Protein backbone atom coordinates (compact mmCIF):
# COMPACT_ATOMS: atom_id res chain seq x y z
CA MET A 1 -13.11 99.62 56.52
CA ILE A 2 -10.12 97.33 56.26
CA SER A 3 -10.23 94.37 58.64
CA ASN A 4 -7.28 93.20 60.71
CA THR A 5 -6.95 90.17 58.44
CA GLU A 6 -6.78 92.42 55.40
CA LEU A 7 -4.24 94.66 57.10
CA GLU A 8 -1.99 91.65 57.55
CA ARG A 9 -2.63 90.34 54.03
CA TYR A 10 -1.78 93.66 52.39
CA SER A 11 0.81 94.85 54.91
CA ARG A 12 3.74 94.92 52.49
CA GLN A 13 1.94 97.06 49.92
CA ILE A 14 0.34 99.29 52.54
CA LEU A 15 3.89 100.32 53.46
CA LEU A 16 4.04 101.84 49.98
CA ILE A 17 0.51 103.06 49.25
CA GLY A 18 -0.77 103.65 52.77
CA GLY A 19 -4.17 102.92 54.22
CA ARG A 20 -5.78 105.47 51.90
CA GLY A 21 -4.40 103.65 48.86
CA GLN A 22 -5.58 100.28 50.13
CA ARG A 23 -9.05 101.66 50.80
CA ALA A 24 -9.10 103.04 47.25
CA LEU A 25 -8.32 99.56 45.95
CA LYS A 26 -11.07 98.06 48.08
CA ARG A 27 -13.60 100.58 46.74
CA ALA A 28 -12.51 100.11 43.13
CA SER A 29 -13.93 97.92 40.39
CA VAL A 30 -11.96 96.54 37.44
CA LEU A 31 -13.20 94.54 34.46
CA VAL A 32 -10.80 92.07 32.83
CA VAL A 33 -11.80 91.36 29.24
CA GLY A 34 -10.57 87.89 28.31
CA LEU A 35 -9.09 85.29 30.64
CA GLY A 36 -6.30 84.08 28.39
CA GLY A 37 -2.59 84.81 28.29
CA LEU A 38 -2.97 88.46 29.35
CA GLY A 39 -6.11 88.33 31.47
CA SER A 40 -4.79 85.43 33.57
CA PRO A 41 -1.79 87.21 35.15
CA ALA A 42 -3.64 90.54 35.23
CA ALA A 43 -6.56 89.06 37.16
CA LEU A 44 -4.27 87.21 39.57
CA TYR A 45 -2.38 90.35 40.54
CA LEU A 46 -5.51 92.51 40.75
CA ALA A 47 -7.15 89.98 43.05
CA ALA A 48 -4.01 89.56 45.13
CA ALA A 49 -3.74 93.33 45.60
CA GLY A 50 -7.28 93.58 46.94
CA VAL A 51 -9.32 95.25 44.21
CA GLY A 52 -12.80 95.26 45.73
CA ARG A 53 -14.86 94.21 42.71
CA LEU A 54 -13.23 92.23 39.94
CA GLY A 55 -15.30 91.61 36.82
CA LEU A 56 -14.37 88.80 34.44
CA ILE A 57 -15.74 88.34 30.94
CA ASP A 58 -15.00 85.37 28.68
CA SER A 59 -17.16 82.90 26.78
CA GLU A 60 -14.53 80.28 25.94
CA THR A 61 -13.56 76.92 27.36
CA VAL A 62 -10.10 75.78 28.45
CA GLU A 63 -8.07 74.04 25.73
CA LEU A 64 -4.82 72.12 26.07
CA SER A 65 -2.98 74.63 23.86
CA ASN A 66 -3.89 77.40 26.33
CA LEU A 67 -2.04 75.99 29.31
CA HIS A 68 1.53 77.03 28.49
CA ARG A 69 0.62 80.70 29.00
CA GLN A 70 -2.88 81.02 30.49
CA ILE A 71 -1.81 80.53 34.10
CA LEU A 72 -5.26 80.80 35.68
CA HIS A 73 -6.14 77.41 34.21
CA ALA A 74 -4.81 73.90 34.82
CA THR A 75 -5.06 70.44 33.31
CA PRO A 76 -8.16 69.43 35.35
CA ASP A 77 -9.97 72.46 33.89
CA LEU A 78 -9.74 71.22 30.29
CA GLY A 79 -13.06 71.46 28.49
CA GLY A 80 -14.59 73.59 31.22
CA SER A 81 -15.52 77.26 31.29
CA LYS A 82 -12.66 79.73 31.65
CA ILE A 83 -14.92 81.85 33.83
CA GLU A 84 -15.50 79.00 36.27
CA SER A 85 -11.83 78.07 36.30
CA ALA A 86 -10.80 81.67 36.93
CA CYS A 87 -13.32 82.28 39.68
CA GLU A 88 -12.20 79.13 41.51
CA LYS A 89 -8.53 80.17 41.47
CA LEU A 90 -9.12 83.83 42.30
CA LYS A 91 -11.51 83.09 45.17
CA ALA A 92 -8.94 80.70 46.63
CA LEU A 93 -6.26 83.37 46.27
CA ASN A 94 -8.26 86.16 47.93
CA PRO A 95 -11.73 85.57 49.38
CA HIS A 96 -12.05 89.29 50.20
CA VAL A 97 -12.50 90.18 46.51
CA GLU A 98 -16.00 90.20 45.03
CA LEU A 99 -15.88 88.36 41.71
CA ILE A 100 -18.46 89.24 39.08
CA ALA A 101 -18.68 86.67 36.31
CA HIS A 102 -19.83 87.53 32.79
CA PRO A 103 -19.77 84.14 30.99
CA GLU A 104 -20.55 85.64 27.64
CA ARG A 105 -18.95 87.22 24.60
CA LEU A 106 -18.52 90.99 24.64
CA THR A 107 -20.63 92.47 21.83
CA SER A 108 -21.90 95.80 20.61
CA GLN A 109 -25.22 94.93 22.25
CA ASN A 110 -23.92 94.34 25.79
CA ALA A 111 -20.62 96.27 26.01
CA LEU A 112 -21.94 99.59 27.28
CA THR A 113 -24.16 97.91 29.85
CA ILE A 114 -21.32 95.78 31.19
CA LEU A 115 -18.48 98.32 31.11
CA LYS A 116 -20.42 101.17 32.71
CA ASP A 117 -20.28 99.50 36.14
CA TYR A 118 -16.45 99.44 36.33
CA ASP A 119 -13.83 102.08 37.09
CA VAL A 120 -11.02 100.62 34.96
CA ILE A 121 -11.10 98.26 31.98
CA VAL A 122 -8.21 95.86 31.34
CA ASP A 123 -8.34 94.64 27.74
CA GLY A 124 -6.74 91.22 27.41
CA SER A 125 -8.55 90.33 24.19
CA ASP A 126 -6.72 88.67 21.30
CA ASN A 127 -8.60 89.90 18.23
CA PHE A 128 -9.12 93.20 16.46
CA PRO A 129 -12.94 93.38 16.59
CA THR A 130 -12.92 93.13 20.39
CA ARG A 131 -10.06 95.64 20.75
CA TYR A 132 -11.93 98.24 18.69
CA LEU A 133 -15.14 97.44 20.56
CA VAL A 134 -13.49 97.87 23.98
CA ASN A 135 -11.83 101.08 22.83
CA ASP A 136 -15.00 102.66 21.50
CA ALA A 137 -17.07 101.65 24.52
CA CYS A 138 -14.42 103.09 26.87
CA VAL A 139 -14.30 106.37 24.94
CA LEU A 140 -18.08 106.69 24.96
CA LEU A 141 -18.23 105.89 28.69
CA GLN A 142 -15.11 107.91 29.57
CA LYS A 143 -13.38 104.89 31.12
CA PRO A 144 -9.61 104.24 31.17
CA ASN A 145 -8.63 101.32 28.96
CA VAL A 146 -5.46 99.43 29.91
CA HIS A 147 -4.51 97.85 26.60
CA GLY A 148 -2.10 95.00 25.97
CA SER A 149 -1.28 92.67 23.10
CA VAL A 150 1.28 89.96 22.33
CA LEU A 151 2.47 87.98 19.33
CA GLY A 152 5.51 85.77 19.05
CA PHE A 153 8.22 87.21 21.32
CA GLU A 154 6.79 90.75 21.27
CA GLY A 155 4.27 92.64 23.36
CA GLN A 156 2.94 96.13 23.92
CA VAL A 157 1.15 97.94 26.74
CA THR A 158 -0.41 101.37 27.07
CA VAL A 159 -3.21 103.22 28.82
CA PHE A 160 -5.90 104.88 26.74
CA ALA A 161 -7.29 107.42 29.19
CA PRO A 162 -10.34 109.67 28.74
CA GLY A 163 -9.43 112.62 26.54
CA GLY A 164 -7.23 110.55 24.26
CA PRO A 165 -5.20 109.32 22.59
CA CYS A 166 -7.23 106.16 22.04
CA TYR A 167 -6.70 102.88 20.19
CA ARG A 168 -8.07 104.41 16.99
CA CYS A 169 -5.49 107.21 17.22
CA LEU A 170 -2.81 104.51 17.14
CA TYR A 171 -4.52 102.21 14.64
CA GLU A 172 -7.00 104.23 12.60
CA LYS A 173 -8.05 101.20 10.59
CA PRO A 174 -7.77 97.47 11.26
CA PRO A 175 -5.30 95.47 9.19
CA THR A 176 -6.57 93.74 6.09
CA PRO A 177 -7.73 90.23 7.04
CA GLY A 178 -4.94 87.72 6.57
CA THR A 179 -2.07 90.22 6.79
CA VAL A 180 -1.47 89.83 10.54
CA ALA A 181 -0.96 86.31 11.88
CA SER A 182 -2.86 85.15 14.95
CA CYS A 183 -1.24 83.50 17.97
CA ALA A 184 -2.46 80.16 16.64
CA GLU A 185 -0.57 80.83 13.41
CA ALA A 186 2.55 82.67 14.61
CA GLY A 187 2.80 81.34 18.16
CA VAL A 188 3.35 83.21 21.40
CA PHE A 189 6.20 82.86 23.89
CA PRO A 190 4.61 82.17 27.28
CA THR A 191 6.50 84.69 29.37
CA ILE A 192 5.79 87.65 27.07
CA ALA A 193 2.11 87.11 27.85
CA GLY A 194 2.96 87.07 31.54
CA LEU A 195 5.01 90.27 31.26
CA VAL A 196 2.28 92.15 29.41
CA GLY A 197 -0.54 90.96 31.69
CA LEU A 198 1.54 91.84 34.75
CA LEU A 199 2.18 95.35 33.40
CA GLN A 200 -1.51 95.79 32.64
CA ALA A 201 -2.29 94.99 36.28
CA ASN A 202 0.46 97.40 37.32
CA GLU A 203 -1.10 100.23 35.32
CA ALA A 204 -4.61 99.48 36.59
CA LEU A 205 -3.41 99.56 40.21
CA LYS A 206 -1.57 102.84 39.61
CA LEU A 207 -4.68 104.40 38.08
CA ILE A 208 -6.76 103.41 41.11
CA VAL A 209 -4.26 104.50 43.75
CA GLY A 210 -3.16 107.63 41.90
CA ILE A 211 0.47 106.74 41.27
CA GLU A 212 2.12 108.74 38.48
CA PRO A 213 3.28 108.52 35.78
CA THR A 214 1.10 105.98 34.03
CA LEU A 215 1.53 104.77 30.46
CA THR A 216 -1.04 107.27 29.23
CA GLY A 217 0.32 108.69 25.98
CA ARG A 218 3.17 106.16 25.94
CA LEU A 219 3.25 102.83 24.11
CA LEU A 220 5.64 100.43 25.84
CA LEU A 221 7.16 97.88 23.46
CA ILE A 222 8.72 94.68 24.84
CA GLU A 223 10.88 92.14 23.03
CA ALA A 224 11.38 88.98 25.06
CA ARG A 225 14.42 87.45 23.33
CA ALA A 226 16.74 90.38 24.07
CA LEU A 227 14.49 91.50 26.93
CA SER A 228 14.49 95.00 25.52
CA PHE A 229 12.04 97.77 26.33
CA SER A 230 11.35 100.86 24.25
CA GLU A 231 8.67 103.54 24.11
CA ILE A 232 6.74 105.41 21.47
CA ALA A 233 5.01 108.68 22.34
CA LEU A 234 1.34 108.65 21.39
CA GLN A 235 -0.57 111.73 20.32
CA ARG A 236 -4.31 112.25 20.14
CA ASN A 237 -5.47 112.49 16.55
CA PRO A 238 -7.80 115.51 16.23
CA GLU A 239 -9.37 113.74 13.25
CA CYS A 240 -10.00 110.50 15.20
CA ALA A 241 -13.39 109.05 14.38
CA ILE A 242 -14.38 108.66 18.03
CA CYS A 243 -12.18 110.86 20.26
CA GLY A 244 -11.33 113.63 17.77
CA GLU A 245 -12.58 117.20 17.62
CA HIS A 246 -15.58 116.22 15.49
CA PRO A 247 -16.28 112.53 16.15
CA ILE A 248 -18.37 110.69 13.60
CA LEU A 249 -18.88 107.64 15.82
CA THR A 250 -21.40 108.26 18.57
CA GLU A 251 -22.50 104.67 19.12
CA LEU A 252 -21.08 101.17 18.83
CA ILE A 253 -20.96 99.54 15.41
CA ASP A 254 -20.63 96.06 13.90
CA TYR A 255 -16.95 95.36 14.63
CA GLU A 256 -16.79 92.05 12.80
CA GLU A 257 -17.84 93.87 9.63
CA PHE A 258 -15.52 96.83 10.40
CA CYS A 259 -12.56 94.45 10.67
CA GLY A 260 -13.52 92.58 7.52
CA ARG A 261 -14.52 89.40 9.30
CA ARG A 262 -17.75 89.10 7.29
């Protein structure tokens, strides 16, 4: 049931999605992987919209260099847990949302156990091992994966839905270590992170409510300087190692080793 207070809180979106849509949001559970530049805006909008159970996973602490783009965190949070900082802000924003904190690093040992309890996964991670890990866990569990990434002035968003295509269909192999700069090396424009995280929340809400079309099978590319948007059609690779016709991956692997981090 939706209380009178909730009806007032969500009144402007209920005009668009109806009571049935709002009840779907209240019943839904979403896991946000990473509470940085993408996870911050995504979590804020998911909480504001009334997603019933919002899971948060991050093992890092707040650093000064985070604050220009990681809008869940503020100067008084420096040195503290991102999970604690996020829960404080999100609970203040919407006390009707159940927050589930996972103050740990997502690994091959815990990913399936954690992800299985959520309807939609929003991947705001910033490294290749975690992206492949989230992808493979979502494929094995048949969970939709709302993927986003940013670097410099550029960002991309898509939805990897059950049945493919998946992240491995787009990027069969990780880049050779050292060939792709990190945000710490190349920088990131703050608002491109906000745009991508916002669009990830948008896609997650659409998946829950049943609004079509989603970005399934479409990679949205954003360039912040010219504020240009373009799309690439994605196709499932029948030879994909995990979602193809004859998958060779049936369990999670060592993703640090797979990405050449060891």
